[in-house]
């Protein structure tokens, strides 16, 4: 992720994914653990993160077409 960013390529680490479907599509053996996905691409907009108090983790887009990315608070995670 850091190497990609250094070259101007953005990323998104995705933990909430359908691992069974990914395993099936990519023919990944059961013995191999899927931790997360990393989406890569050239950013077309800006992103900003904010703490969510209600647990809603759905991304929204502001009036300028930039993503607002909710993150669970450390208190909620721990």
Protein backbone atom coordinates (compact mmCIF):
# COMPACT_ATOMS: atom_id res chain seq x y z
CA UNK A 1 0.00 0.00 0.00
CA UNK A 2 2.80 2.42 0.88
CA UNK A 3 4.82 1.53 -2.21
CA UNK A 4 1.76 2.03 -4.41
CA UNK A 5 1.04 5.43 -2.82
CA UNK A 6 4.62 6.48 -3.43
CA UNK A 7 3.94 5.92 -7.15
CA UNK A 8 0.64 7.85 -7.07
CA UNK A 9 -1.56 4.76 -6.85
CA UNK A 10 -4.30 4.83 -4.23
CA UNK A 11 -5.54 1.84 -2.28
CA UNK A 12 -8.30 0.62 -0.07
CA UNK A 13 -7.80 -2.25 2.37
CA UNK A 14 -11.06 -4.16 2.53
CA UNK A 15 -11.74 -6.41 5.49
CA UNK A 16 -15.49 -6.79 5.04
CA UNK A 17 -15.55 -9.13 2.05
CA UNK A 18 -17.10 -12.44 1.04
CA UNK A 19 -14.09 -14.69 1.54
CA UNK A 20 -15.92 -17.82 0.36
CA UNK A 21 -16.85 -16.16 -2.94
CA UNK A 22 -13.31 -14.82 -3.41
CA UNK A 23 -11.90 -18.28 -2.70
CA UNK A 24 -14.23 -19.76 -5.32
CA UNK A 25 -13.57 -17.13 -8.03
CA UNK A 26 -9.79 -17.17 -7.60
CA UNK A 27 -9.56 -20.93 -6.92
CA UNK A 28 -7.83 -20.41 -3.57
CA UNK A 29 -7.33 -23.54 -1.51
CA UNK A 30 -8.94 -23.90 1.92
CA UNK A 31 -5.52 -24.16 3.56
CA UNK A 32 -4.70 -20.61 2.44
CA UNK A 33 -6.08 -17.86 4.69
CA UNK A 34 -7.68 -14.77 3.13
CA UNK A 35 -7.09 -11.86 5.50
CA UNK A 36 -8.34 -8.93 3.42
CA UNK A 37 -8.39 -7.45 -0.06
CA UNK A 38 -6.43 -4.50 -1.35
CA UNK A 39 -8.03 -2.51 -4.15
CA UNK A 40 -5.59 -0.41 -6.17
CA UNK A 41 -6.19 2.45 -8.59
CA UNK A 42 -5.51 6.04 -9.48
CA UNK A 43 -7.51 8.38 -7.20
CA UNK A 44 -10.18 10.43 -8.95
CA UNK A 45 -11.31 12.15 -5.75
CA UNK A 46 -10.30 12.91 -2.17
CA UNK A 47 -11.25 10.84 0.88
CA UNK A 48 -11.69 11.87 4.48
CA UNK A 49 -12.23 9.66 7.52
CA UNK A 50 -14.37 10.38 10.54
CA UNK A 51 -15.43 8.50 13.68
CA UNK A 52 -18.89 7.00 13.59
CA UNK A 53 -20.80 6.88 16.85
CA UNK A 54 -23.75 4.83 15.58
CA UNK A 55 -21.71 1.98 14.03
CA UNK A 56 -22.79 2.84 10.47
CA UNK A 57 -19.84 2.08 8.18
CA UNK A 58 -21.43 3.05 4.84
CA UNK A 59 -19.38 5.43 2.74
CA UNK A 60 -21.02 8.65 1.62
CA UNK A 61 -20.08 11.25 -0.96
CA UNK A 62 -20.00 14.97 -0.27
CA UNK A 63 -21.22 17.77 -2.54
CA UNK A 64 -17.83 17.86 -4.31
CA UNK A 65 -17.82 14.16 -5.18
CA UNK A 66 -15.34 13.20 -2.47
CA UNK A 67 -15.78 10.13 -0.27
CA UNK A 68 -16.45 10.39 3.45
CA UNK A 69 -15.27 7.17 5.09
CA UNK A 70 -16.69 6.34 8.52
CA UNK A 71 -14.47 4.46 10.95
CA UNK A 72 -15.48 2.79 14.18
CA UNK A 73 -14.10 4.52 17.26
CA UNK A 74 -11.32 2.86 19.23
CA UNK A 75 -13.74 2.68 22.16
CA UNK A 76 -16.23 0.69 20.07
CA UNK A 77 -13.57 -1.69 18.81
CA UNK A 78 -12.06 -2.36 22.23
